[in-house]
Amino acid sequence: MHIIAKSGDLNREERFVIDGLLKENQCTETLNLIQDVIVLPSGAYEFNFKLSQKKLLENPSEEFETLLRHLIRAVEYIQHYAQVYRNSEITLFIKKTSIICWKDVEDPDINQDCYPQEDGSCIQFNDFPDSLHPDYFTTVTYLNAVENGDFQFLNENGDVDSSFGVKCGRTVGFNSADRLRVKVPRKGAQRCALVVRYSTHMEDIEVDLHELLRLLHQVDELRYNQTKEDAAVVLKRFEDKGVKVIKTAEDLKGEERFAAEGLATDEQCEILRNVALELGRAGDGYSGVRSPHTTNEIFVGVTLEHFRKSLTVVPASYFGLTTKPTFISPHTKNELLHGISVYKANKLLLDGYVQSYGLRMLLERSEEARLFVEKYFNLTKPLFFEYTHLVCRTAINDSNTDRQDLSHPVHGDNCILQPDGTCTHDFPAFTQRHYSALLYLNSDFEGGEFFFAHPNKTEQVSIHPKCGLLVGFNASSLHGVKAVLKGQRCALAMWYTLNPTFKEITHIQARKLLEEKEAQEKLEKEHDEL
C-alpha cells in the first residue's frame, strides 16, 4: 500500500490517491457479486446492500454469504484508512455503500450534456457546489483495470485538474462536494468501483448495512443449528477410525493444546506432500520471499486458490520425488521452502494443471482436522477456516548440523510478541485468528521439531512431526520450529476463526469447483464407455 498523490498534488483539500487497499483476489471476489444489478437512469449499474438482502433471502448460499462478509470487511478497512488519513477526531460513519459499474451505453443521448459521477449519477457542471461540505466524504476503490476509464478532478472552470487511470485496489478519496468526472469506457469495456460515502453525523448511518449484518447473523445461526453435533459423538467417531490423542494440554504445558495421531494415512500424506512439491511456489504466503525465516532453508507453499486453478491427478511418478527445490526460506538462509495456499490451488485447478483427486485430498484432510479441533476444544460456536497452507521446508546443506537459527521464529499466530514477553493483539497481527493446527505429512528428516515456547522464547516442550500427527492449539500460544538440519519437512498448516466475516472463501469455492469437475469427469467416463 502506498500513497500516489496527496491534497497538495491534487490542488484541493481532502483529495488523495492510494494504491493497494485491496488485493487482486479481493477485487475478483467483489466483482463476483454484481451478477444482479440495478440499472440507473444514467445507464450505470449499481449493486448495494439492499439488493444483497433480497438476494440472500432468495438463495442463502454459503458462497454468496461469504462474499458479502468479505465486502463488508473491505468497506470497514477502507473506512478505517479514510479516517486515519483525514487525521480528524470527528468520526466518519458509513452513509451509503455501492458497487458502481460504468460502460458505454446504447442510447447516444444519455450522458451527452452531463458529467458522469462515481456514484452512478450524471450531473450538470452548474450543479456542482461552489465550496466543499465539511460533513461528507467519499472513497472510490477500483475493482478492475480498464483503458479510457480515467478518474478526473475538475477545477472551477470545468478543466481537468488531475487525471489518473484505474486499476484493482487503487482508491481515491475526496470531499463529497468536490468536482469530478468519470471517463466512461468505450467498446464494451466495463469500469467498476466500490463507492463508499461517509457522514460525520451518526443519524446518517447506513440502515441497509446494519440490516444485512442482522440477516447474516440469522443465516449463521440457522446453518449452525442444522449441522451442529455433540462433541462426544464426533470424537467417538474419530476414535473408531483410529484417531488417538497422544498429548493433552497438561502434557504440552499450556491451555487449549493437544497432539493427536491418525488424521492421515501414509498414502494420503504422500499425495499431499507431492502436491506441495510439484505445485508449491517459492515463498508462497510470504509475498514471494523465498527465505522468510532462515537462509538455511527453502520454503515453498501451496494455497487452495492456487490449487483450484489446476486439476490433474498427482501421478504415480511423482511419488518419491527426490529433486530438491531451489527457493530460499524467508525465515532462514539455510532452508528452502515450498508452499501453496487454497487460493492458488484453485487457480491451478481452473487452469487444468491438477486433477480433482489431489484437491479432494487437501479438502478432506483439512476439513477432518478442522472438525477435530472444533470438537476437541468443545467450542460452542462454529470454527471456520481463515487460511490454509500446504508447505514444505528443505535444508539447503545437509552437512550443516550445528545451526543455531530457527526454521520459524517463536511467535503467536494472532499477536505480536513484545520484548517484555507479552503478546499484544494489535495490528498488524492476524487478530481474527482464534485457533491453529498443523497436520504433519512426514518424519524422514532431522531437526524440524515443533515446540511451544515460554514468553522469553525458550522451549517449553517439543514434538517431532510424523505422518498423520495433528497439533492443535489456541492461536495465542507461543510456538516455533527448530532448524531442519537434514531432509525435507512437510505440513498442512491451518488457521481458524470464530468470526464468519473472515472465513476463507476459497474453501467454499474449491468444494463447488470440485463437485463440478467430478461431475464432468463422470460424464466423460460414461461417454467413453458407450
Protein backbone atom coordinates (compact mmCIF):
# COMPACT_ATOMS: atom_id res chain seq x y z
CA MET A 1 0.00 0.00 0.00
CA HIS A 2 1.46 3.37 -0.95
CA ILE A 3 0.23 6.92 -1.49
CA ILE A 4 0.21 8.10 -5.11
CA ALA A 5 -0.90 11.69 -4.55
CA LYS A 6 -1.96 13.94 -1.67
CA SER A 7 -4.10 17.06 -1.48
CA GLY A 8 -1.21 19.33 -2.41
CA ASP A 9 -0.53 17.31 -5.55
CA LEU A 10 -4.22 17.32 -6.49
CA ASN A 11 -4.91 21.05 -6.00
CA ARG A 12 -7.69 20.79 -3.42
CA GLU A 13 -8.20 19.81 0.20
CA GLU A 14 -9.21 16.27 1.22
CA ARG A 15 -8.14 14.68 -2.06
CA PHE A 16 -5.86 11.64 -2.09
CA VAL A 17 -4.98 8.66 -4.29
CA ILE A 18 -3.54 5.45 -2.85
CA ASP A 19 -2.71 2.04 -4.32
CA GLY A 20 -3.01 -1.35 -2.66
CA LEU A 21 -6.03 -1.08 -0.36
CA LEU A 22 -7.49 -4.20 -2.00
CA LYS A 23 -5.62 -7.21 -3.39
CA GLU A 24 -6.36 -8.90 -6.70
CA ASN A 25 -8.37 -11.74 -5.14
CA GLN A 26 -10.46 -9.21 -3.16
CA CYS A 27 -11.29 -7.32 -6.34
CA THR A 28 -12.28 -10.56 -8.05
CA GLU A 29 -14.48 -11.60 -5.12
CA THR A 30 -16.25 -8.23 -5.11
CA LEU A 31 -16.83 -8.32 -8.87
CA ASN A 32 -18.46 -11.75 -8.44
CA LEU A 33 -21.27 -10.03 -6.52
CA ILE A 34 -22.53 -7.91 -9.40
CA GLN A 35 -24.45 -10.52 -11.37
CA ASP A 36 -27.80 -8.98 -10.38
CA VAL A 37 -27.70 -5.20 -10.56
CA ILE A 38 -29.88 -2.11 -10.74
CA VAL A 39 -29.71 -0.05 -13.94
CA LEU A 40 -29.61 3.64 -13.02
CA PRO A 41 -31.12 6.46 -15.17
CA SER A 42 -27.59 7.43 -16.21
CA GLY A 43 -27.03 3.96 -17.68
CA ALA A 44 -24.62 2.95 -14.90
CA TYR A 45 -25.13 -0.29 -12.96
CA GLU A 46 -25.42 -0.47 -9.16
CA PHE A 47 -25.16 -3.26 -6.59
CA ASN A 48 -25.94 -2.29 -2.99
CA PHE A 49 -26.72 -3.74 0.43
CA LYS A 50 -30.49 -3.55 -0.07
CA LEU A 51 -30.16 -5.73 -3.16
CA SER A 52 -27.84 -8.01 -1.17
CA GLN A 53 -30.54 -8.65 1.43
CA LYS A 54 -33.09 -9.55 -1.24
CA LYS A 55 -30.74 -12.00 -2.93
CA LEU A 56 -29.63 -13.56 0.36
CA LEU A 57 -33.24 -14.20 1.35
CA GLU A 58 -33.94 -15.81 -2.02
CA ASN A 59 -30.85 -18.03 -2.01
CA PRO A 60 -28.75 -18.08 1.18
CA SER A 61 -25.77 -19.89 -0.38
CA GLU A 62 -22.62 -20.03 1.72
CA GLU A 63 -20.52 -18.65 -1.13
CA PHE A 64 -22.71 -15.56 -1.59
CA GLU A 65 -22.93 -15.05 2.16
CA THR A 66 -19.14 -15.19 2.47
CA LEU A 67 -18.64 -12.80 -0.45
CA LEU A 68 -20.90 -10.32 1.33
CA ARG A 69 -18.92 -10.68 4.55
CA HIS A 70 -15.68 -10.03 2.67
CA LEU A 71 -17.25 -6.96 1.06
CA ILE A 72 -18.27 -5.61 4.47
CA ARG A 73 -14.76 -6.27 5.77
CA ALA A 74 -13.26 -4.39 2.81
CA VAL A 75 -15.59 -1.45 3.39
CA GLU A 76 -14.63 -1.29 7.07
CA TYR A 77 -10.94 -1.41 6.15
CA ILE A 78 -11.32 1.43 3.65
CA GLN A 79 -13.34 3.41 6.20
CA HIS A 80 -10.54 2.97 8.75
CA TYR A 81 -7.93 4.20 6.27
CA ALA A 82 -10.02 7.23 5.30
CA GLN A 83 -10.47 8.10 8.97
CA VAL A 84 -6.73 7.84 9.66
CA TYR A 85 -5.76 9.75 6.51
CA ARG A 86 -8.06 12.67 7.29
CA ASN A 87 -6.39 12.89 10.72
CA SER A 88 -9.55 14.17 12.34
CA GLU A 89 -11.11 13.37 15.70
CA ILE A 90 -14.53 13.53 14.03
CA THR A 91 -15.75 10.01 13.22
CA LEU A 92 -16.73 9.06 9.68
CA PHE A 93 -19.92 6.98 9.63
CA ILE A 94 -20.76 4.88 6.57
CA LYS A 95 -23.73 6.53 4.87
CA LYS A 96 -24.08 4.54 1.63
CA THR A 97 -22.17 1.66 0.04
CA SER A 98 -22.46 0.74 -3.64
CA ILE A 99 -20.62 -1.11 -6.35
CA ILE A 100 -20.97 1.10 -9.42
CA CYS A 101 -20.11 -0.05 -12.94
CA TRP A 102 -19.94 2.29 -15.93
CA LYS A 103 -19.80 1.13 -19.52
CA ASP A 104 -20.68 2.54 -22.90
CA VAL A 105 -24.47 2.93 -23.16
CA GLU A 106 -26.53 2.11 -26.23
CA ASP A 107 -28.60 5.32 -26.15
CA PRO A 108 -26.38 8.08 -27.65
CA ASP A 109 -28.44 10.82 -25.93
CA ILE A 110 -27.57 9.61 -22.42
CA ASN A 111 -24.73 11.49 -20.68
CA GLN A 112 -24.16 13.89 -23.59
CA ASP A 113 -24.51 17.11 -21.61
CA CYS A 114 -23.63 15.98 -18.10
CA TYR A 115 -20.67 14.80 -16.05
CA PRO A 116 -20.75 11.08 -15.08
CA GLN A 117 -20.04 10.64 -11.34
CA GLU A 118 -18.58 7.78 -9.33
CA ASP A 119 -21.90 7.25 -7.53
CA GLY A 120 -23.60 6.45 -10.84
CA SER A 121 -25.29 9.81 -11.31
CA CYS A 122 -24.66 12.28 -14.12
CA ILE A 123 -24.90 15.97 -13.27
CA GLN A 124 -24.62 19.36 -14.95
CA PHE A 125 -21.50 21.39 -14.22
CA ASN A 126 -23.56 24.23 -12.74
CA ASP A 127 -24.93 21.77 -10.17
CA PHE A 128 -21.51 21.25 -8.59
CA PRO A 129 -21.35 23.06 -5.20
CA ASP A 130 -19.16 26.15 -5.03
CA SER A 131 -17.49 25.01 -1.81
CA LEU A 132 -16.65 21.80 -0.01
CA HIS A 133 -19.07 20.39 2.57
CA PRO A 134 -17.32 19.67 5.89
CA ASP A 135 -19.65 16.81 6.87
CA TYR A 136 -19.43 14.45 3.89
CA PHE A 137 -16.63 12.43 2.35
CA THR A 138 -16.33 9.75 -0.36
CA THR A 139 -13.89 6.97 -1.21
CA VAL A 140 -13.82 5.12 -4.52
CA THR A 141 -11.87 1.84 -4.72
CA TYR A 142 -11.49 0.41 -8.21
CA LEU A 143 -12.08 -3.27 -8.88
CA ASN A 144 -10.57 -3.67 -12.34
CA ALA A 145 -8.20 -2.06 -14.80
CA VAL A 146 -9.71 -0.54 -17.93
CA GLU A 147 -8.38 1.69 -20.68
CA ASN A 148 -10.02 5.07 -21.27
CA GLY A 149 -11.85 4.93 -17.95
CA ASP A 150 -9.87 7.60 -16.11
CA PHE A 151 -10.94 9.45 -13.00
CA GLN A 152 -10.66 13.24 -13.39
CA PHE A 153 -10.69 16.01 -10.79
CA LEU A 154 -12.01 19.30 -12.22
CA ASN A 155 -11.27 22.92 -11.35
CA GLU A 156 -13.75 25.78 -11.01
CA ASN A 157 -13.77 26.28 -14.80
CA GLY A 158 -14.52 22.65 -15.59
CA ASP A 159 -11.00 21.95 -16.80
CA VAL A 160 -9.13 18.83 -15.69
CA ASP A 161 -7.09 19.45 -12.54
CA SER A 162 -5.63 15.96 -12.44
CA SER A 163 -6.37 12.65 -14.09
CA PHE A 164 -5.28 9.08 -13.49
CA GLY A 165 -6.06 5.58 -14.67
CA VAL A 166 -7.94 2.98 -12.68
CA LYS A 167 -6.86 -0.48 -11.55
CA CYS A 168 -7.66 -3.04 -8.86
CA GLY A 169 -7.04 -1.68 -5.37
CA ARG A 170 -6.48 1.95 -6.36
CA THR A 171 -8.50 4.22 -4.06
CA VAL A 172 -9.33 7.89 -4.46
CA GLY A 173 -10.70 9.95 -1.58
CA PHE A 174 -12.37 13.34 -1.81
CA ASN A 175 -14.94 15.60 -0.25
CA SER A 176 -18.40 14.57 -1.45
CA ALA A 177 -18.99 18.10 -2.80
CA ASP A 178 -15.86 18.02 -4.98
CA ARG A 179 -15.90 18.47 -8.77
CA LEU A 180 -15.03 15.37 -10.78
CA ARG A 181 -15.82 13.37 -13.89
CA VAL A 182 -15.71 9.70 -14.84
CA LYS A 183 -14.49 8.88 -18.33
CA VAL A 184 -16.92 6.19 -19.45
CA PRO A 185 -15.01 3.44 -21.28
CA ARG A 186 -15.95 2.58 -24.84
CA LYS A 187 -16.15 -0.58 -26.93
CA GLY A 188 -17.98 -2.66 -24.34
CA ALA A 189 -15.43 -2.31 -21.55
CA GLN A 190 -16.79 -2.10 -18.01
CA ARG A 191 -15.34 0.06 -15.23
CA CYS A 192 -16.34 -0.99 -11.70
CA ALA A 193 -15.63 0.55 -8.32
CA LEU A 194 -16.60 0.18 -4.68
CA VAL A 195 -18.04 3.56 -3.72
CA VAL A 196 -18.44 4.42 -0.03
CA ARG A 197 -19.99 7.67 1.09
CA TYR A 198 -19.49 8.88 4.66
CA SER A 199 -21.10 11.36 7.00
CA THR A 200 -19.92 12.87 10.27
CA HIS A 201 -23.49 12.56 11.61
CA MET A 202 -24.42 9.30 13.34
CA GLU A 203 -28.06 9.67 12.28
CA ASP A 204 -26.94 9.23 8.64
CA ILE A 205 -25.53 5.75 9.28
CA GLU A 206 -26.44 3.22 6.57
CA VAL A 207 -29.52 1.28 7.68
CA ASP A 208 -29.18 -1.30 4.89
CA LEU A 209 -25.71 -2.30 6.13
CA HIS A 210 -26.98 -2.97 9.64
CA GLU A 211 -30.00 -4.84 8.31
CA LEU A 212 -27.66 -7.00 6.23
CA LEU A 213 -25.48 -7.73 9.28
CA ARG A 214 -28.58 -8.77 11.21
CA LEU A 215 -29.66 -11.06 8.38
CA LEU A 216 -26.19 -12.61 8.12
CA HIS A 217 -26.30 -13.37 11.84
CA GLN A 218 -29.63 -15.15 11.38
CA VAL A 219 -28.19 -17.17 8.48
CA ASP A 220 -25.26 -18.12 10.72
CA GLU A 221 -27.48 -19.40 13.49
CA LEU A 222 -29.70 -21.32 11.08
CA ARG A 223 -26.77 -23.00 9.34
CA TYR A 224 -25.06 -23.90 12.62
CA ASN A 225 -28.23 -25.34 14.17
CA GLN A 226 -28.74 -27.51 11.10
CA THR A 227 -25.24 -29.00 11.24
CA LYS A 228 -24.17 -28.95 14.90
CA GLU A 229 -23.45 -32.30 16.52
CA ASP A 230 -22.49 -33.28 20.05
CA ALA A 231 -18.72 -33.18 20.53
CA ALA A 232 -18.57 -36.54 22.31
CA VAL A 233 -20.36 -38.26 19.41
CA VAL A 234 -17.99 -36.77 16.84
CA LEU A 235 -14.87 -37.56 18.87
CA LYS A 236 -16.05 -41.17 19.29
CA ARG A 237 -16.32 -41.42 15.50
CA PHE A 238 -12.74 -40.20 15.19
CA GLU A 239 -11.64 -42.73 17.80
CA ASP A 240 -13.34 -45.54 15.88
CA LYS A 241 -11.34 -44.50 12.80
CA GLY A 242 -8.06 -44.79 14.70
CA VAL A 243 -7.53 -41.18 15.77
CA LYS A 244 -5.93 -41.01 19.21
CA VAL A 245 -4.96 -38.05 21.39
CA ILE A 246 -1.38 -38.71 22.50
CA LYS A 247 -0.65 -35.42 24.29
CA THR A 248 -3.05 -33.21 26.23
CA ALA A 249 -2.77 -29.60 27.37
CA GLU A 250 -1.15 -30.80 30.59
CA ASP A 251 1.48 -32.76 28.66
CA LEU A 252 2.14 -29.72 26.46
CA LYS A 253 2.38 -27.33 29.45
CA GLY A 254 -0.33 -24.90 28.47
CA GLU A 255 -4.04 -24.37 27.93
CA GLU A 256 -6.00 -25.42 24.83
CA ARG A 257 -3.31 -27.61 23.28
CA PHE A 258 -3.27 -31.20 22.04
CA ALA A 259 -1.49 -33.62 19.75
CA ALA A 260 -3.42 -36.44 18.04
CA GLU A 261 -2.29 -39.14 15.64
CA GLY A 262 -4.14 -40.96 12.88
CA LEU A 263 -5.55 -37.97 10.97
CA ALA A 264 -3.97 -39.16 7.68
CA THR A 265 -2.61 -42.40 6.22
CA ASP A 266 0.83 -42.82 4.67
CA GLU A 267 -0.70 -42.72 1.19
CA GLN A 268 -2.65 -39.54 1.93
CA CYS A 269 0.45 -37.87 3.36
CA GLU A 270 2.48 -38.84 0.31
CA ILE A 271 -0.11 -37.39 -2.07
CA LEU A 272 -0.27 -34.09 -0.19
CA ARG A 273 3.49 -33.91 0.09
CA ASN A 274 3.93 -34.34 -3.63
CA VAL A 275 1.23 -31.77 -4.35
CA ALA A 276 3.28 -29.29 -2.32
CA LEU A 277 6.50 -30.18 -4.11
CA GLU A 278 5.02 -30.18 -7.60
CA LEU A 279 2.78 -27.13 -7.31
CA GLY A 280 4.35 -25.18 -4.46
CA ARG A 281 5.75 -21.74 -5.10
CA ALA A 282 8.79 -20.04 -3.64
CA GLY A 283 7.95 -18.02 -0.56
CA ASP A 284 4.23 -18.68 -1.00
CA GLY A 285 2.34 -16.89 1.76
CA TYR A 286 5.31 -14.56 2.34
CA SER A 287 4.95 -12.27 -0.69
CA GLY A 288 7.39 -14.40 -2.66
CA VAL A 289 10.22 -14.00 -0.12
CA ARG A 290 11.97 -17.32 -0.63
CA SER A 291 13.62 -17.49 2.82
CA PRO A 292 11.18 -15.79 5.20
CA HIS A 293 12.58 -17.32 8.39
CA THR A 294 16.13 -18.58 7.79
CA THR A 295 18.53 -18.50 4.86
CA ASN A 296 19.46 -22.12 5.62
CA GLU A 297 16.12 -23.41 4.36
CA ILE A 298 13.90 -23.22 1.29
CA PHE A 299 10.22 -22.51 1.97
CA VAL A 300 7.60 -23.43 -0.64
CA GLY A 301 3.83 -23.42 -0.16
CA VAL A 302 0.52 -24.20 -1.86
CA THR A 303 -2.78 -22.38 -1.23
CA LEU A 304 -6.21 -23.74 -2.18
CA GLU A 305 -6.78 -20.91 -4.65
CA HIS A 306 -3.52 -21.83 -6.40
CA PHE A 307 -4.76 -25.44 -6.41
CA ARG A 308 -8.27 -24.57 -7.63
CA LYS A 309 -6.78 -23.23 -10.84
CA SER A 310 -5.45 -26.65 -11.88
CA LEU A 311 -6.83 -30.24 -11.58
CA THR A 312 -4.75 -33.24 -12.73
CA VAL A 313 -4.30 -36.28 -10.51
CA VAL A 314 -0.92 -36.44 -8.83
CA PRO A 315 0.67 -39.17 -10.99
CA ALA A 316 2.44 -42.17 -9.52
CA SER A 317 5.70 -40.92 -10.98
CA TYR A 318 5.60 -38.00 -8.51
CA PHE A 319 5.85 -40.37 -5.54
CA GLY A 320 9.32 -40.47 -4.04
CA LEU A 321 10.29 -37.23 -5.75
CA THR A 322 13.94 -36.56 -4.86
CA THR A 323 14.72 -33.35 -6.74
CA LYS A 324 15.38 -30.52 -4.30
CA PRO A 325 13.57 -27.21 -4.78
CA THR A 326 15.60 -24.04 -5.10
CA PHE A 327 13.67 -21.42 -3.13
CA ILE A 328 15.31 -19.79 -0.11
CA SER A 329 13.12 -19.68 3.01
CA PRO A 330 12.01 -16.20 4.09
CA HIS A 331 12.94 -17.15 7.67
CA THR A 332 16.42 -18.67 7.33
CA LYS A 333 19.11 -18.73 4.66
CA ASN A 334 19.76 -22.39 5.49
CA GLU A 335 16.43 -23.76 4.26
CA LEU A 336 14.30 -23.92 1.13
CA LEU A 337 10.53 -23.52 1.30
CA HIS A 338 7.73 -24.84 -0.96
CA GLY A 339 4.14 -23.75 -0.41
CA ILE A 340 0.69 -23.47 -1.93
CA SER A 341 -2.47 -21.93 -0.46
CA VAL A 342 -6.11 -22.76 -1.13
CA TYR A 343 -6.41 -19.59 -3.21
CA LYS A 344 -3.56 -20.56 -5.54
CA ALA A 345 -4.61 -24.20 -5.61
CA ASN A 346 -7.97 -23.14 -7.03
CA LYS A 347 -6.24 -21.19 -9.78
CA LEU A 348 -4.18 -24.22 -10.79
CA LEU A 349 -7.29 -26.37 -10.84
CA LEU A 350 -9.11 -23.97 -13.15
CA ASP A 351 -6.11 -23.81 -15.46
CA GLY A 352 -6.04 -27.61 -15.73
CA TYR A 353 -2.71 -28.31 -14.03
CA VAL A 354 -4.12 -30.64 -11.38
CA GLN A 355 -6.85 -33.26 -11.32
CA SER A 356 -9.65 -33.42 -8.78
CA TYR A 357 -8.07 -36.21 -6.72
CA GLY A 358 -5.34 -34.02 -5.25
CA LEU A 359 -7.72 -31.20 -4.40
CA ARG A 360 -10.20 -33.60 -2.80
CA MET A 361 -7.41 -34.96 -0.61
CA LEU A 362 -6.48 -31.47 0.52
CA LEU A 363 -10.09 -30.51 1.27
CA GLU A 364 -10.92 -33.77 3.07
CA ARG A 365 -7.83 -33.79 5.30
CA SER A 366 -8.18 -30.11 6.18
CA GLU A 367 -11.90 -30.49 6.99
CA GLU A 368 -11.24 -33.53 9.21
CA ALA A 369 -8.60 -31.53 11.07
CA ARG A 370 -10.90 -28.51 11.47
CA LEU A 371 -13.74 -30.65 12.81
CA PHE A 372 -11.46 -32.41 15.28
CA VAL A 373 -10.13 -29.10 16.61
CA GLU A 374 -13.65 -27.69 16.97
CA LYS A 375 -14.97 -30.73 18.84
CA TYR A 376 -11.87 -31.43 20.93
CA PHE A 377 -12.00 -27.91 22.35
CA ASN A 378 -15.80 -28.30 22.69
CA LEU A 379 -16.46 -24.94 21.08
CA THR A 380 -20.00 -23.58 21.29
CA LYS A 381 -19.62 -21.61 18.06
CA PRO A 382 -18.64 -22.92 14.60
CA LEU A 383 -14.96 -22.80 13.70
CA PHE A 384 -14.18 -21.53 10.20
CA PHE A 385 -11.08 -21.80 8.03
CA GLU A 386 -9.27 -18.47 7.92
CA TYR A 387 -6.22 -19.56 5.92
CA THR A 388 -4.88 -22.91 4.71
CA HIS A 389 -1.32 -23.50 3.54
CA LEU A 390 0.37 -26.69 2.33
CA VAL A 391 4.09 -26.17 2.85
CA CYS A 392 7.50 -27.90 2.79
CA ARG A 393 10.83 -26.74 4.25
CA THR A 394 14.08 -28.23 2.95
CA ALA A 395 17.56 -27.97 4.48
CA ILE A 396 19.94 -26.40 1.95
CA ASN A 397 23.10 -28.02 3.30
CA ASP A 398 22.56 -31.40 4.98
CA SER A 399 26.07 -31.30 6.42
CA ASN A 400 25.40 -28.08 8.36
CA THR A 401 24.10 -29.70 11.56
CA ASP A 402 25.36 -27.14 14.10
CA ARG A 403 22.86 -24.44 13.18
CA GLN A 404 21.61 -22.08 15.88
CA ASP A 405 18.87 -20.43 13.80
CA LEU A 406 15.23 -21.49 13.79
CA SER A 407 13.21 -22.72 10.84
CA HIS A 408 10.40 -20.50 12.14
CA PRO A 409 11.00 -17.98 14.95
CA VAL A 410 8.93 -18.03 18.15
CA HIS A 411 5.65 -16.19 17.62
CA GLY A 412 1.93 -16.16 18.32
CA ASP A 413 -0.46 -16.57 15.40
CA ASN A 414 -2.74 -13.70 16.45
CA CYS A 415 -0.48 -11.39 18.43
CA ILE A 416 2.84 -9.55 18.30
CA LEU A 417 5.44 -10.84 20.77
CA GLN A 418 6.98 -7.92 22.67
CA PRO A 419 10.46 -7.70 24.28
CA ASP A 420 8.89 -7.95 27.76
CA GLY A 421 7.27 -11.29 26.85
CA THR A 422 3.73 -10.03 26.40
CA CYS A 423 1.94 -10.75 23.13
CA THR A 424 -0.26 -7.86 22.03
CA HIS A 425 -3.35 -8.30 19.86
CA ASP A 426 -2.70 -5.26 17.71
CA PHE A 427 -2.24 -4.51 14.01
CA PRO A 428 -0.52 -5.97 12.01
CA ALA A 429 -1.23 -9.21 13.91
CA PHE A 430 -3.89 -11.54 12.47
CA THR A 431 -6.16 -10.87 15.43
CA GLN A 432 -9.08 -12.63 13.71
CA ARG A 433 -7.34 -15.99 14.19
CA HIS A 434 -8.53 -17.92 17.24
CA TYR A 435 -7.11 -21.44 16.78
CA SER A 436 -4.34 -23.05 14.74
CA ALA A 437 -3.48 -26.59 13.68
CA LEU A 438 -0.71 -28.40 11.83
CA LEU A 439 -1.21 -31.75 10.11
CA TYR A 440 2.22 -33.25 9.53
CA LEU A 441 3.00 -35.31 6.44
CA ASN A 442 6.36 -36.99 7.14
CA SER A 443 9.08 -37.74 9.68
CA ASP A 444 12.07 -38.66 7.46
CA PHE A 445 14.17 -35.60 8.28
CA GLU A 446 16.41 -34.40 11.10
CA GLY A 447 15.55 -31.45 13.30
CA GLY A 448 12.40 -29.50 12.48
CA GLU A 449 10.69 -30.16 15.82
CA PHE A 450 7.63 -28.08 16.60
CA PHE A 451 7.87 -26.52 20.06
CA PHE A 452 5.76 -24.46 22.40
CA ALA A 453 7.69 -21.61 23.99
CA HIS A 454 7.89 -19.51 27.14
CA PRO A 455 7.44 -15.72 26.81
CA ASN A 456 11.25 -15.42 26.82
CA LYS A 457 11.30 -17.63 23.69
CA THR A 458 12.86 -20.64 25.42
CA GLU A 459 11.38 -24.08 24.80
CA GLN A 460 8.55 -25.46 26.92
CA VAL A 461 8.03 -28.77 25.13
CA SER A 462 8.77 -30.07 21.64
CA ILE A 463 7.15 -32.57 19.27
CA HIS A 464 8.78 -34.36 16.35
CA PRO A 465 6.39 -34.48 13.37
CA LYS A 466 5.19 -37.65 11.67
CA CYS A 467 2.58 -38.51 9.06
CA GLY A 468 -0.96 -38.04 10.36
CA LEU A 469 0.04 -36.16 13.52
CA LEU A 470 -2.21 -33.18 14.23
CA VAL A 471 -1.13 -30.48 16.68
CA GLY A 472 -3.89 -28.03 17.62
CA PHE A 473 -3.71 -25.01 19.89
CA ASN A 474 -5.06 -21.60 20.78
CA ALA A 475 -3.66 -19.10 18.29
CA SER A 476 -2.18 -17.02 21.13
CA SER A 477 0.14 -19.88 22.15
CA LEU A 478 3.78 -19.00 21.53
CA HIS A 479 5.48 -21.56 19.32
CA GLY A 480 8.23 -22.06 16.77
CA VAL A 481 10.03 -24.62 14.60
CA LYS A 482 13.57 -25.83 15.18
CA ALA A 483 16.03 -25.85 12.29
CA VAL A 484 15.54 -28.53 9.64
CA LEU A 485 19.06 -30.00 9.66
CA LYS A 486 18.66 -32.70 7.03
CA GLY A 487 15.95 -33.57 4.54
CA GLN A 488 12.54 -32.07 4.00
CA ARG A 489 9.67 -31.34 6.40
CA CYS A 490 6.10 -31.00 5.04
CA ALA A 491 2.86 -30.00 6.75
CA LEU A 492 -0.65 -28.77 6.13
CA ALA A 493 -0.94 -25.56 8.18
CA MET A 494 -4.40 -24.28 9.09
CA TRP A 495 -5.60 -21.18 10.88
CA TYR A 496 -9.17 -20.88 12.11
CA THR A 497 -11.51 -18.11 13.17
CA LEU A 498 -14.75 -17.89 15.13
CA ASN A 499 -15.66 -14.76 13.17
CA PRO A 500 -17.53 -15.70 9.96
CA THR A 501 -16.52 -12.37 8.40
CA PHE A 502 -13.02 -13.79 7.99
CA LYS A 503 -13.89 -17.27 6.71
CA GLU A 504 -11.71 -18.48 3.82
CA ILE A 505 -13.97 -18.26 0.78
CA THR A 506 -11.63 -20.34 -1.37
CA HIS A 507 -12.56 -23.44 0.66
CA ILE A 508 -16.19 -22.92 -0.36
CA GLN A 509 -15.28 -22.20 -3.98
CA ALA A 510 -12.95 -25.20 -4.12
CA ARG A 511 -15.68 -27.55 -2.89
CA LYS A 512 -18.08 -26.17 -5.50
CA LEU A 513 -15.49 -26.43 -8.26
CA LEU A 514 -14.57 -29.95 -7.21
CA GLU A 515 -18.20 -31.07 -7.45
CA GLU A 516 -18.46 -29.58 -10.94
CA LYS A 517 -15.18 -31.12 -12.06
CA GLU A 518 -16.02 -34.58 -10.75
CA ALA A 519 -19.47 -34.45 -12.35
CA GLN A 520 -17.80 -33.56 -15.64
CA GLU A 521 -15.29 -36.41 -15.26
CA LYS A 522 -18.14 -38.83 -14.52
CA LEU A 523 -20.00 -37.80 -17.69
CA GLU A 524 -16.83 -38.15 -19.76
CA LYS A 525 -16.23 -41.62 -18.34
CA GLU A 526 -19.81 -42.70 -19.08
CA HIS A 527 -19.46 -41.33 -22.61
CA ASP A 528 -16.21 -43.26 -23.16
CA GLU A 529 -17.88 -46.48 -22.00
CA LEU A 530 -20.68 -46.19 -24.57
